[in-house]
Amino acid sequence: MNILSPSILASDFAHLAEAAEMVAHGGAKWLHIDVMDGHFVPNLSLGPDVVKCLRRFSDLVFDVHLMIDTPEKYIDTFMEAGSDIITFHVESTRVPLDVIERVHAAGKRVGITLKPGTPVESLVPYLDRVDVVLVMTVEPGFGGQSFMEDQLEKARFLKKYKDENGLAYDIEVDGGVNLRNVRACLAAGINVIVAGSSVYKGDAAKNAADFMRVLGE
């Protein structure tokens, strides 16, 4: 099943609850929440208190992307705040298996991701243990960047590996995705689409519905 996970990073921060509600009206089932610490990536963004507040107003699946150093120090806080999926960067921790096991032990889903410059083969030791694999098609840290089409080769690798090994992880894409390139993402084997500016610039409910129509083709 193809899934839209709008990135609330691109919304108006003064109206986050309304931003979540609008994309739900457009048919989205997930909400992508980017967390940045100013160290792992050169920007700061939403923290666990925001996740906790949003949880009171939304039944969407909270797809939380931790762009932070040593995520093992913070995953419990984010899970307690209401995250449903915790995705961390393979480059950000020395104990990826510990992160995976702790998220699963809490009854949550876990995802793993990597920066564009990191070889996709670095994820192979963890692919049989995760629920989501996120392919970044921009450098993590800022919204509104241009889509890096060459990163779709990673998605093709992940789809082939998944099929050959009988695995069931979702393949997600994040960065510069819009209605012009989303079909190329789907063709590469991706089934979870993160879209930020292309959803929240303008009528978010209508834009989400437009994505949902393409995802349902």
N, C-alpha and C. Protein backbone atom coordinates (compact mmCIF):
# COMPACT_ATOMS: atom_id res chain seq x y z
N MET A 1 0.84 -1.19 0.00
CA MET A 1 0.00 0.00 0.00
C MET A 1 0.88 1.24 0.00
N ASN A 2 0.54 2.21 -0.85
CA ASN A 2 1.27 3.46 -0.89
C ASN A 2 0.74 4.43 0.16
N ILE A 3 1.65 5.13 0.82
CA ILE A 3 1.31 5.96 1.97
C ILE A 3 1.88 7.36 1.77
N LEU A 4 1.09 8.37 2.11
CA LEU A 4 1.57 9.75 2.13
C LEU A 4 1.85 10.15 3.57
N SER A 5 3.06 10.70 3.79
CA SER A 5 3.46 11.15 5.12
C SER A 5 3.89 12.62 5.01
N PRO A 6 2.95 13.56 5.04
CA PRO A 6 3.30 14.97 4.88
C PRO A 6 4.26 15.45 5.97
N SER A 7 5.23 16.25 5.58
CA SER A 7 6.23 16.74 6.53
C SER A 7 5.75 18.04 7.16
N ILE A 8 5.44 17.98 8.43
CA ILE A 8 4.91 19.16 9.12
C ILE A 8 5.97 20.24 9.29
N LEU A 9 7.24 19.92 9.01
CA LEU A 9 8.30 20.92 9.04
C LEU A 9 8.00 22.07 8.08
N ALA A 10 7.26 21.80 7.01
CA ALA A 10 6.96 22.82 6.00
C ALA A 10 5.70 23.62 6.30
N SER A 11 5.05 23.32 7.43
CA SER A 11 3.79 23.99 7.75
C SER A 11 4.06 25.28 8.54
N ASP A 12 2.99 25.96 8.85
CA ASP A 12 3.05 27.15 9.69
C ASP A 12 3.13 26.70 11.15
N PHE A 13 4.25 26.95 11.79
CA PHE A 13 4.46 26.45 13.16
C PHE A 13 3.49 27.07 14.18
N ALA A 14 2.85 28.15 13.82
CA ALA A 14 1.87 28.74 14.73
C ALA A 14 0.55 27.97 14.73
N HIS A 15 0.41 27.02 13.78
CA HIS A 15 -0.86 26.30 13.65
C HIS A 15 -0.60 24.82 13.36
N LEU A 16 0.20 24.18 14.19
CA LEU A 16 0.60 22.80 13.92
C LEU A 16 -0.57 21.83 14.01
N ALA A 17 -1.45 22.02 14.97
CA ALA A 17 -2.59 21.11 15.09
C ALA A 17 -3.47 21.19 13.85
N GLU A 18 -3.71 22.41 13.37
CA GLU A 18 -4.50 22.59 12.15
C GLU A 18 -3.80 21.99 10.94
N ALA A 19 -2.47 22.10 10.92
CA ALA A 19 -1.70 21.54 9.82
C ALA A 19 -1.86 20.03 9.75
N ALA A 20 -1.86 19.37 10.90
CA ALA A 20 -2.07 17.93 10.93
C ALA A 20 -3.49 17.58 10.49
N GLU A 21 -4.45 18.38 10.93
CA GLU A 21 -5.85 18.11 10.59
C GLU A 21 -6.09 18.27 9.09
N MET A 22 -5.46 19.27 8.48
CA MET A 22 -5.68 19.52 7.05
C MET A 22 -5.23 18.35 6.20
N VAL A 23 -4.06 17.79 6.49
CA VAL A 23 -3.59 16.68 5.65
C VAL A 23 -4.39 15.41 5.90
N ALA A 24 -4.91 15.28 7.12
CA ALA A 24 -5.80 14.14 7.39
C ALA A 24 -7.06 14.26 6.55
N HIS A 25 -7.59 15.47 6.41
CA HIS A 25 -8.76 15.69 5.56
C HIS A 25 -8.44 15.34 4.10
N GLY A 26 -7.18 15.52 3.71
CA GLY A 26 -6.77 15.19 2.34
C GLY A 26 -6.51 13.72 2.12
N GLY A 27 -6.59 12.92 3.16
CA GLY A 27 -6.44 11.47 3.02
C GLY A 27 -5.15 10.90 3.56
N ALA A 28 -4.24 11.74 4.07
CA ALA A 28 -2.98 11.23 4.63
C ALA A 28 -3.27 10.43 5.90
N LYS A 29 -2.50 9.36 6.10
CA LYS A 29 -2.61 8.53 7.29
C LYS A 29 -1.42 8.69 8.24
N TRP A 30 -0.30 9.16 7.69
CA TRP A 30 0.91 9.37 8.49
C TRP A 30 1.21 10.87 8.54
N LEU A 31 2.00 11.28 9.53
CA LEU A 31 2.51 12.64 9.62
C LEU A 31 4.00 12.55 9.91
N HIS A 32 4.80 13.15 9.04
CA HIS A 32 6.26 13.10 9.19
C HIS A 32 6.70 14.27 10.06
N ILE A 33 7.44 13.96 11.12
CA ILE A 33 7.89 14.97 12.08
C ILE A 33 9.42 14.92 12.13
N ASP A 34 10.05 15.98 11.64
CA ASP A 34 11.52 16.05 11.60
C ASP A 34 12.06 16.66 12.89
N VAL A 35 13.04 15.98 13.46
CA VAL A 35 13.67 16.42 14.71
C VAL A 35 15.15 16.66 14.42
N MET A 36 15.62 17.90 14.65
CA MET A 36 17.01 18.26 14.36
C MET A 36 17.63 18.90 15.59
N ASP A 37 18.91 18.59 15.82
CA ASP A 37 19.55 19.00 17.06
C ASP A 37 20.60 20.10 16.90
N GLY A 38 20.86 20.56 15.67
CA GLY A 38 21.88 21.57 15.46
C GLY A 38 23.29 21.04 15.49
N HIS A 39 23.45 19.72 15.67
CA HIS A 39 24.77 19.07 15.69
C HIS A 39 24.89 18.06 14.56
N PHE A 40 24.00 17.08 14.54
CA PHE A 40 24.04 16.10 13.46
C PHE A 40 23.71 16.76 12.12
N VAL A 41 22.80 17.71 12.16
CA VAL A 41 22.48 18.54 11.00
C VAL A 41 22.50 20.00 11.45
N PRO A 42 22.78 20.93 10.53
CA PRO A 42 22.95 22.33 10.93
C PRO A 42 21.64 23.09 11.03
N ASN A 43 20.72 22.58 11.83
CA ASN A 43 19.45 23.26 12.02
C ASN A 43 18.80 22.72 13.29
N LEU A 44 17.85 23.46 13.82
CA LEU A 44 17.06 23.03 14.98
C LEU A 44 15.60 22.95 14.56
N SER A 45 14.87 21.99 15.14
CA SER A 45 13.45 21.91 14.83
C SER A 45 12.68 21.36 16.01
N LEU A 46 11.65 20.60 15.74
CA LEU A 46 10.67 20.18 16.74
C LEU A 46 11.23 19.17 17.73
N GLY A 47 10.77 19.26 18.97
CA GLY A 47 11.23 18.35 20.01
C GLY A 47 10.09 17.52 20.57
N PRO A 48 10.35 16.74 21.61
CA PRO A 48 9.34 15.82 22.15
C PRO A 48 8.12 16.52 22.72
N ASP A 49 8.28 17.72 23.25
CA ASP A 49 7.12 18.42 23.80
C ASP A 49 6.11 18.77 22.70
N VAL A 50 6.63 19.09 21.51
CA VAL A 50 5.74 19.38 20.39
C VAL A 50 5.02 18.10 19.96
N VAL A 51 5.75 17.00 19.90
CA VAL A 51 5.12 15.71 19.57
C VAL A 51 4.01 15.40 20.57
N LYS A 52 4.29 15.60 21.84
CA LYS A 52 3.30 15.31 22.89
C LYS A 52 2.05 16.18 22.73
N CYS A 53 2.24 17.46 22.44
CA CYS A 53 1.10 18.35 22.26
C CYS A 53 0.29 17.96 21.03
N LEU A 54 0.98 17.68 19.93
CA LEU A 54 0.28 17.28 18.71
C LEU A 54 -0.51 16.00 18.89
N ARG A 55 0.02 15.09 19.69
CA ARG A 55 -0.64 13.80 19.90
C ARG A 55 -2.06 13.98 20.43
N ARG A 56 -2.30 15.04 21.18
CA ARG A 56 -3.64 15.28 21.74
C ARG A 56 -4.65 15.65 20.67
N PHE A 57 -4.16 16.11 19.52
CA PHE A 57 -5.06 16.62 18.49
C PHE A 57 -5.11 15.76 17.23
N SER A 58 -4.33 14.70 17.17
CA SER A 58 -4.24 13.96 15.91
C SER A 58 -4.14 12.46 16.16
N ASP A 59 -4.86 11.70 15.33
CA ASP A 59 -4.78 10.25 15.35
C ASP A 59 -3.90 9.71 14.23
N LEU A 60 -3.22 10.59 13.49
CA LEU A 60 -2.33 10.14 12.44
C LEU A 60 -1.17 9.33 13.02
N VAL A 61 -0.59 8.48 12.19
CA VAL A 61 0.63 7.77 12.58
C VAL A 61 1.77 8.78 12.60
N PHE A 62 2.38 8.95 13.76
CA PHE A 62 3.48 9.92 13.89
C PHE A 62 4.79 9.25 13.47
N ASP A 63 5.29 9.69 12.33
CA ASP A 63 6.47 9.17 11.65
C ASP A 63 7.63 10.11 11.98
N VAL A 64 8.35 9.81 13.06
CA VAL A 64 9.31 10.74 13.64
C VAL A 64 10.72 10.43 13.15
N HIS A 65 11.33 11.40 12.50
CA HIS A 65 12.65 11.25 11.89
C HIS A 65 13.67 11.99 12.75
N LEU A 66 14.49 11.24 13.47
CA LEU A 66 15.49 11.82 14.37
C LEU A 66 16.78 12.11 13.62
N MET A 67 17.01 13.38 13.33
CA MET A 67 18.28 13.82 12.74
C MET A 67 19.12 14.38 13.88
N ILE A 68 19.53 13.49 14.78
CA ILE A 68 20.22 13.90 16.00
C ILE A 68 21.37 12.94 16.31
N ASP A 69 22.38 13.45 16.99
CA ASP A 69 23.47 12.60 17.48
C ASP A 69 22.98 11.73 18.64
N THR A 70 23.56 10.56 18.77
CA THR A 70 23.27 9.61 19.85
C THR A 70 21.77 9.51 20.14
N PRO A 71 21.00 9.06 19.16
CA PRO A 71 19.55 8.98 19.36
C PRO A 71 19.16 8.06 20.51
N GLU A 72 20.06 7.14 20.90
CA GLU A 72 19.75 6.23 22.00
C GLU A 72 19.47 6.99 23.30
N LYS A 73 19.96 8.22 23.40
CA LYS A 73 19.72 9.01 24.61
C LYS A 73 18.31 9.59 24.67
N TYR A 74 17.63 9.64 23.52
CA TYR A 74 16.38 10.39 23.45
C TYR A 74 15.18 9.57 22.98
N ILE A 75 15.40 8.34 22.52
CA ILE A 75 14.29 7.60 21.93
C ILE A 75 13.17 7.33 22.93
N ASP A 76 13.49 7.08 24.19
CA ASP A 76 12.44 6.84 25.17
C ASP A 76 11.54 8.06 25.31
N THR A 77 12.15 9.23 25.35
CA THR A 77 11.38 10.47 25.49
C THR A 77 10.44 10.67 24.32
N PHE A 78 10.93 10.40 23.10
CA PHE A 78 10.08 10.58 21.93
C PHE A 78 8.98 9.52 21.85
N MET A 79 9.29 8.31 22.27
CA MET A 79 8.25 7.28 22.28
C MET A 79 7.18 7.61 23.30
N GLU A 80 7.58 8.06 24.48
CA GLU A 80 6.62 8.42 25.52
C GLU A 80 5.75 9.61 25.10
N ALA A 81 6.30 10.46 24.22
CA ALA A 81 5.56 11.63 23.75
C ALA A 81 4.47 11.28 22.75
N GLY A 82 4.52 10.05 22.20
CA GLY A 82 3.47 9.65 21.28
C GLY A 82 3.91 9.27 19.89
N SER A 83 5.22 9.11 19.67
CA SER A 83 5.71 8.69 18.36
C SER A 83 5.28 7.25 18.09
N ASP A 84 4.90 6.98 16.85
CA ASP A 84 4.55 5.62 16.44
C ASP A 84 5.71 4.93 15.73
N ILE A 85 6.47 5.70 14.96
CA ILE A 85 7.64 5.20 14.24
C ILE A 85 8.82 6.09 14.60
N ILE A 86 9.93 5.48 14.97
CA ILE A 86 11.16 6.22 15.26
C ILE A 86 12.18 5.84 14.19
N THR A 87 12.59 6.81 13.39
CA THR A 87 13.62 6.57 12.38
C THR A 87 14.89 7.31 12.77
N PHE A 88 16.02 6.61 12.74
CA PHE A 88 17.30 7.21 13.12
C PHE A 88 18.31 7.01 11.99
N HIS A 89 19.38 7.79 12.03
CA HIS A 89 20.42 7.71 11.01
C HIS A 89 21.50 6.71 11.41
N VAL A 90 21.90 5.90 10.45
CA VAL A 90 22.95 4.93 10.72
C VAL A 90 24.25 5.62 11.09
N GLU A 91 24.46 6.84 10.61
CA GLU A 91 25.70 7.57 10.90
C GLU A 91 25.72 8.19 12.30
N SER A 92 24.55 8.21 12.97
CA SER A 92 24.41 9.01 14.18
C SER A 92 24.68 8.26 15.48
N THR A 93 24.90 6.95 15.40
CA THR A 93 25.04 6.16 16.63
C THR A 93 26.03 5.02 16.44
N ARG A 94 26.68 4.63 17.51
CA ARG A 94 27.56 3.46 17.50
C ARG A 94 26.82 2.19 17.88
N VAL A 95 25.55 2.33 18.28
CA VAL A 95 24.80 1.17 18.77
C VAL A 95 23.46 1.04 18.04
N PRO A 96 23.47 0.93 16.72
CA PRO A 96 22.19 0.86 15.99
C PRO A 96 21.32 -0.32 16.41
N LEU A 97 21.92 -1.46 16.72
CA LEU A 97 21.11 -2.61 17.12
C LEU A 97 20.41 -2.36 18.45
N ASP A 98 21.07 -1.65 19.33
CA ASP A 98 20.46 -1.31 20.61
C ASP A 98 19.26 -0.39 20.40
N VAL A 99 19.40 0.59 19.51
CA VAL A 99 18.28 1.49 19.21
C VAL A 99 17.10 0.69 18.66
N ILE A 100 17.38 -0.18 17.71
CA ILE A 100 16.33 -0.99 17.09
C ILE A 100 15.61 -1.84 18.14
N GLU A 101 16.38 -2.51 18.98
CA GLU A 101 15.79 -3.40 19.97
C GLU A 101 14.95 -2.64 20.99
N ARG A 102 15.41 -1.47 21.40
CA ARG A 102 14.67 -0.70 22.40
C ARG A 102 13.36 -0.16 21.85
N VAL A 103 13.37 0.26 20.60
CA VAL A 103 12.12 0.75 19.99
C VAL A 103 11.13 -0.40 19.86
N HIS A 104 11.59 -1.53 19.39
CA HIS A 104 10.70 -2.69 19.27
C HIS A 104 10.19 -3.15 20.63
N ALA A 105 11.05 -3.11 21.64
CA ALA A 105 10.64 -3.54 22.98
C ALA A 105 9.52 -2.67 23.54
N ALA A 106 9.46 -1.43 23.07
CA ALA A 106 8.41 -0.52 23.51
C ALA A 106 7.14 -0.66 22.68
N GLY A 107 7.15 -1.60 21.73
CA GLY A 107 5.97 -1.82 20.91
C GLY A 107 5.81 -0.84 19.77
N LYS A 108 6.88 -0.14 19.42
CA LYS A 108 6.85 0.84 18.33
C LYS A 108 7.55 0.27 17.10
N ARG A 109 7.33 0.94 15.96
CA ARG A 109 8.03 0.58 14.74
C ARG A 109 9.31 1.39 14.64
N VAL A 110 10.33 0.81 14.00
CA VAL A 110 11.62 1.48 13.89
C VAL A 110 12.05 1.57 12.44
N GLY A 111 12.61 2.73 12.11
CA GLY A 111 13.14 2.94 10.78
C GLY A 111 14.61 3.32 10.84
N ILE A 112 15.29 3.11 9.73
CA ILE A 112 16.70 3.47 9.63
C ILE A 112 16.90 4.26 8.34
N THR A 113 17.82 5.20 8.36
CA THR A 113 18.07 6.04 7.20
C THR A 113 19.54 6.41 7.12
N LEU A 114 19.88 7.15 6.07
CA LEU A 114 21.26 7.51 5.81
C LEU A 114 21.30 8.78 4.99
N LYS A 115 22.42 9.49 5.09
CA LYS A 115 22.61 10.70 4.29
C LYS A 115 22.90 10.33 2.84
N PRO A 116 22.69 11.26 1.90
CA PRO A 116 22.94 10.94 0.49
C PRO A 116 24.34 10.42 0.19
N GLY A 117 25.34 10.88 0.93
CA GLY A 117 26.71 10.46 0.66
C GLY A 117 27.10 9.13 1.26
N THR A 118 26.23 8.52 2.05
CA THR A 118 26.53 7.25 2.70
C THR A 118 26.08 6.08 1.83
N PRO A 119 26.96 5.10 1.59
CA PRO A 119 26.57 3.95 0.74
C PRO A 119 25.40 3.18 1.33
N VAL A 120 24.49 2.78 0.48
CA VAL A 120 23.30 2.05 0.94
C VAL A 120 23.67 0.72 1.57
N GLU A 121 24.82 0.16 1.19
CA GLU A 121 25.26 -1.12 1.75
C GLU A 121 25.48 -1.05 3.26
N SER A 122 25.66 0.16 3.80
CA SER A 122 25.84 0.30 5.25
C SER A 122 24.59 -0.09 6.03
N LEU A 123 23.46 -0.17 5.35
CA LEU A 123 22.21 -0.54 6.02
C LEU A 123 21.97 -2.04 6.04
N VAL A 124 22.69 -2.79 5.22
CA VAL A 124 22.40 -4.21 5.04
C VAL A 124 22.36 -4.99 6.36
N PRO A 125 23.28 -4.76 7.32
CA PRO A 125 23.24 -5.56 8.56
C PRO A 125 21.96 -5.38 9.37
N TYR A 126 21.16 -4.35 9.05
CA TYR A 126 19.99 -4.03 9.87
C TYR A 126 18.66 -4.24 9.14
N LEU A 127 18.72 -4.58 7.86
CA LEU A 127 17.50 -4.60 7.06
C LEU A 127 16.51 -5.68 7.48
N ASP A 128 16.99 -6.75 8.10
CA ASP A 128 16.07 -7.79 8.55
C ASP A 128 15.49 -7.49 9.93
N ARG A 129 15.81 -6.31 10.48
CA ARG A 129 15.37 -5.97 11.84
C ARG A 129 14.51 -4.71 11.89
N VAL A 130 14.39 -3.98 10.76
CA VAL A 130 13.69 -2.71 10.79
C VAL A 130 12.36 -2.81 10.04
N ASP A 131 11.50 -1.83 10.31
CA ASP A 131 10.17 -1.78 9.70
C ASP A 131 10.11 -0.79 8.54
N VAL A 132 10.98 0.21 8.56
CA VAL A 132 10.99 1.26 7.55
C VAL A 132 12.44 1.56 7.19
N VAL A 133 12.70 1.78 5.89
CA VAL A 133 14.00 2.28 5.45
C VAL A 133 13.74 3.57 4.68
N LEU A 134 14.36 4.64 5.13
CA LEU A 134 14.13 5.97 4.56
C LEU A 134 15.31 6.36 3.67
N VAL A 135 15.01 6.71 2.43
CA VAL A 135 16.01 7.20 1.47
C VAL A 135 15.90 8.72 1.42
N MET A 136 16.99 9.40 1.77
CA MET A 136 17.01 10.86 1.71
C MET A 136 17.40 11.32 0.31
N THR A 137 16.55 12.14 -0.29
CA THR A 137 16.84 12.67 -1.62
C THR A 137 17.19 14.15 -1.56
N VAL A 138 17.58 14.62 -0.36
CA VAL A 138 18.23 15.91 -0.14
C VAL A 138 19.21 15.70 1.01
N GLU A 139 20.08 16.67 1.22
CA GLU A 139 20.92 16.64 2.42
C GLU A 139 20.03 16.99 3.62
N PRO A 140 20.00 16.17 4.65
CA PRO A 140 19.11 16.44 5.78
C PRO A 140 19.48 17.73 6.50
N GLY A 141 18.44 18.44 6.94
CA GLY A 141 18.66 19.64 7.72
C GLY A 141 17.76 20.80 7.38
N PHE A 142 17.34 20.91 6.13
CA PHE A 142 16.50 22.02 5.71
C PHE A 142 15.45 21.55 4.71
N GLY A 143 14.26 22.11 4.79
CA GLY A 143 13.22 21.83 3.82
C GLY A 143 13.40 22.67 2.57
N GLY A 144 12.67 22.33 1.54
CA GLY A 144 12.65 23.13 0.32
C GLY A 144 13.80 22.90 -0.63
N GLN A 145 14.62 21.85 -0.42
CA GLN A 145 15.74 21.59 -1.32
C GLN A 145 15.29 20.83 -2.56
N SER A 146 16.18 20.82 -3.57
CA SER A 146 15.88 20.14 -4.82
C SER A 146 16.09 18.64 -4.69
N PHE A 147 15.24 17.91 -5.37
CA PHE A 147 15.23 16.45 -5.37
C PHE A 147 16.49 15.90 -6.06
N MET A 148 17.17 14.94 -5.39
CA MET A 148 18.39 14.31 -5.94
C MET A 148 17.98 12.96 -6.54
N GLU A 149 17.74 12.97 -7.85
CA GLU A 149 17.19 11.78 -8.50
C GLU A 149 18.14 10.58 -8.43
N ASP A 150 19.45 10.82 -8.36
CA ASP A 150 20.39 9.71 -8.33
C ASP A 150 20.23 8.85 -7.08
N GLN A 151 19.60 9.39 -6.03
CA GLN A 151 19.40 8.63 -4.80
C GLN A 151 18.35 7.53 -4.95
N LEU A 152 17.58 7.58 -6.04
CA LEU A 152 16.59 6.53 -6.27
C LEU A 152 17.25 5.18 -6.53
N GLU A 153 18.52 5.20 -6.90
CA GLU A 153 19.23 3.93 -7.08
C GLU A 153 19.29 3.17 -5.76
N LYS A 154 19.37 3.89 -4.65
CA LYS A 154 19.34 3.24 -3.33
C LYS A 154 18.00 2.55 -3.11
N ALA A 155 16.92 3.21 -3.51
CA ALA A 155 15.60 2.61 -3.36
C ALA A 155 15.50 1.34 -4.19
N ARG A 156 16.05 1.35 -5.40
CA ARG A 156 16.00 0.15 -6.25
C ARG A 156 16.78 -1.00 -5.60
N PHE A 157 17.92 -0.67 -5.01
CA PHE A 157 18.70 -1.68 -4.29
C PHE A 157 17.88 -2.25 -3.13
N LEU A 158 17.25 -1.38 -2.36
CA LEU A 158 16.49 -1.81 -1.19
C LEU A 158 15.29 -2.66 -1.59
N LYS A 159 14.64 -2.30 -2.69
CA LYS A 159 13.50 -3.10 -3.16
C LYS A 159 13.96 -4.49 -3.60
N LYS A 160 15.06 -4.56 -4.34
CA LYS A 160 15.60 -5.84 -4.79
C LYS A 160 16.01 -6.70 -3.60
N TYR A 161 16.70 -6.09 -2.64
CA TYR A 161 17.15 -6.82 -1.46
C TYR A 161 15.95 -7.33 -0.66
N LYS A 162 14.95 -6.50 -0.52
CA LYS A 162 13.74 -6.88 0.20
C LYS A 162 13.06 -8.08 -0.45
N ASP A 163 12.90 -8.04 -1.75
CA ASP A 163 12.23 -9.12 -2.47
C ASP A 163 13.04 -10.41 -2.43
N GLU A 164 14.35 -10.30 -2.61
CA GLU A 164 15.21 -11.49 -2.66
C GLU A 164 15.32 -12.17 -1.30
N ASN A 165 15.13 -11.40 -0.23
CA ASN A 165 15.29 -11.96 1.12
C ASN A 165 13.97 -12.12 1.88
N GLY A 166 12.87 -11.90 1.20
CA GLY A 166 11.57 -12.10 1.82
C GLY A 166 11.30 -11.18 2.99
N LEU A 167 11.77 -9.93 2.90
CA LEU A 167 11.58 -8.96 3.99
C LEU A 167 10.35 -8.10 3.73
N ALA A 168 9.95 -7.35 4.73
CA ALA A 168 8.67 -6.65 4.62
C ALA A 168 8.75 -5.17 4.99
N TYR A 169 9.94 -4.59 5.02
CA TYR A 169 10.04 -3.18 5.41
C TYR A 169 9.43 -2.26 4.35
N ASP A 170 8.87 -1.14 4.81
CA ASP A 170 8.45 -0.07 3.92
C ASP A 170 9.68 0.68 3.44
N ILE A 171 9.62 1.17 2.22
CA ILE A 171 10.69 2.01 1.67
C ILE A 171 10.11 3.42 1.53
N GLU A 172 10.73 4.35 2.23
CA GLU A 172 10.25 5.72 2.32
C GLU A 172 11.22 6.66 1.62
N VAL A 173 10.71 7.77 1.11
CA VAL A 173 11.56 8.79 0.48
C VAL A 173 11.24 10.14 1.10
N ASP A 174 12.28 10.95 1.27
CA ASP A 174 12.10 12.28 1.87
C ASP A 174 13.07 13.25 1.22
N GLY A 175 12.51 14.35 0.69
CA GLY A 175 13.35 15.42 0.18
C GLY A 175 13.01 15.85 -1.23
N GLY A 176 12.35 16.98 -1.36
CA GLY A 176 12.09 17.54 -2.69
C GLY A 176 11.06 16.78 -3.50
N VAL A 177 10.24 15.96 -2.87
CA VAL A 177 9.27 15.16 -3.62
C VAL A 177 8.06 16.03 -3.96
N ASN A 178 7.62 15.94 -5.21
CA ASN A 178 6.45 16.69 -5.66
C ASN A 178 5.68 15.84 -6.66
N LEU A 179 4.62 16.41 -7.21
CA LEU A 179 3.77 15.65 -8.14
C LEU A 179 4.45 15.38 -9.47
N ARG A 180 5.55 16.07 -9.74
CA ARG A 180 6.28 15.82 -10.99
C ARG A 180 7.22 14.63 -10.88
N ASN A 181 7.73 14.35 -9.69
CA ASN A 181 8.71 13.26 -9.56
C ASN A 181 8.21 12.08 -8.72
N VAL A 182 7.00 12.18 -8.18
CA VAL A 182 6.54 11.13 -7.27
C VAL A 182 6.37 9.79 -8.00
N ARG A 183 5.99 9.81 -9.27
CA ARG A 183 5.82 8.54 -9.99
C ARG A 183 7.16 7.83 -10.17
N ALA A 184 8.23 8.59 -10.35
CA ALA A 184 9.56 7.97 -10.44
C ALA A 184 9.93 7.31 -9.11
N CYS A 185 9.52 7.91 -8.00
CA CYS A 185 9.77 7.31 -6.68
C CYS A 185 9.02 5.99 -6.56
N LEU A 186 7.77 5.99 -6.95
CA LEU A 186 6.97 4.77 -6.87
C LEU A 186 7.55 3.68 -7.76
N ALA A 187 8.00 4.07 -8.96
CA ALA A 187 8.57 3.09 -9.89
C ALA A 187 9.85 2.48 -9.35
N ALA A 188 10.56 3.21 -8.48
CA ALA A 188 11.81 2.71 -7.90
C ALA A 188 11.57 1.75 -6.74
N GLY A 189 10.31 1.55 -6.36
CA GLY A 189 9.99 0.62 -5.28
C GLY A 189 9.60 1.28 -3.98
N ILE A 190 9.54 2.60 -3.96
CA ILE A 190 9.18 3.33 -2.76
C ILE A 190 7.67 3.27 -2.56
N ASN A 191 7.23 3.10 -1.31
CA ASN A 191 5.79 3.07 -1.05
C ASN A 191 5.35 4.06 0.03
N VAL A 192 6.30 4.79 0.64
CA VAL A 192 5.94 5.84 1.60
C VAL A 192 6.55 7.15 1.10
N ILE A 193 5.70 8.13 0.85
CA ILE A 193 6.12 9.40 0.27
C ILE A 193 6.05 10.49 1.33
N VAL A 194 7.20 11.08 1.64
CA VAL A 194 7.24 12.27 2.49
C VAL A 194 7.24 13.49 1.57
N ALA A 195 6.31 14.38 1.79
CA ALA A 195 6.23 15.61 0.99
C ALA A 195 5.98 16.77 1.93
N GLY A 196 6.79 17.81 1.81
CA GLY A 196 6.68 18.96 2.69
C GLY A 196 6.11 20.17 2.00
N SER A 197 6.98 20.93 1.33
CA SER A 197 6.55 22.16 0.67
C SER A 197 5.46 21.90 -0.36
N SER A 198 5.54 20.77 -1.06
CA SER A 198 4.57 20.48 -2.11
C SER A 198 3.18 20.16 -1.55
N VAL A 199 3.10 19.90 -0.25
CA VAL A 199 1.80 19.74 0.39
C VAL A 199 1.37 21.03 1.09
N TYR A 200 2.28 21.61 1.87
CA TYR A 200 1.89 22.70 2.74
C TYR A 200 1.96 24.08 2.08
N LYS A 201 2.48 24.18 0.87
CA LYS A 201 2.45 25.46 0.16
C LYS A 201 1.11 25.56 -0.56
N GLY A 202 0.21 26.37 -0.02
CA GLY A 202 -1.12 26.47 -0.60
C GLY A 202 -2.13 25.70 0.24
N ASP A 203 -3.11 25.10 -0.42
CA ASP A 203 -4.19 24.38 0.24
C ASP A 203 -3.71 22.97 0.58
N ALA A 204 -3.36 22.74 1.84
CA ALA A 204 -2.73 21.47 2.23
C ALA A 204 -3.68 20.30 2.05
N ALA A 205 -4.96 20.47 2.33
CA ALA A 205 -5.91 19.37 2.18
C ALA A 205 -6.03 18.98 0.71
N LYS A 206 -6.14 19.96 -0.17
CA LYS A 206 -6.24 19.68 -1.60
C LYS A 206 -4.95 19.05 -2.13
N ASN A 207 -3.80 19.59 -1.71
CA ASN A 207 -2.52 19.07 -2.18
C ASN A 207 -2.30 17.63 -1.72
N ALA A 208 -2.68 17.35 -0.47
CA ALA A 208 -2.58 15.97 0.02
C ALA A 208 -3.49 15.06 -0.79
N ALA A 209 -4.69 15.51 -1.09
CA ALA A 209 -5.62 14.71 -1.89
C ALA A 209 -5.06 14.46 -3.29
N ASP A 210 -4.40 15.45 -3.87
CA ASP A 210 -3.78 15.26 -5.19
C ASP A 210 -2.71 14.17 -5.13
N PHE A 211 -1.89 14.19 -4.08
CA PHE A 211 -0.89 13.12 -3.91
C PHE A 211 -1.57 11.78 -3.74
N MET A 212 -2.63 11.72 -2.95
CA MET A 212 -3.29 10.46 -2.69
C MET A 212 -3.86 9.87 -3.98
N ARG A 213 -4.32 10.72 -4.89
CA ARG A 213 -4.83 10.20 -6.16
C ARG A 213 -3.71 9.52 -6.97
N VAL A 214 -2.54 10.15 -6.98
CA VAL A 214 -1.40 9.55 -7.70
C VAL A 214 -0.98 8.26 -7.02
N LEU A 215 -0.94 8.25 -5.70
CA LEU A 215 -0.53 7.05 -4.97
C LEU A 215 -1.52 5.91 -5.14
N GLY A 216 -2.76 6.24 -5.49
CA GLY A 216 -3.76 5.20 -5.69
C GLY A 216 -3.88 4.72 -7.12
N GLU A 217 -3.08 5.26 -8.02
CA GLU A 217 -3.16 4.86 -9.44
C GLU A 217 -2.71 3.40 -9.64
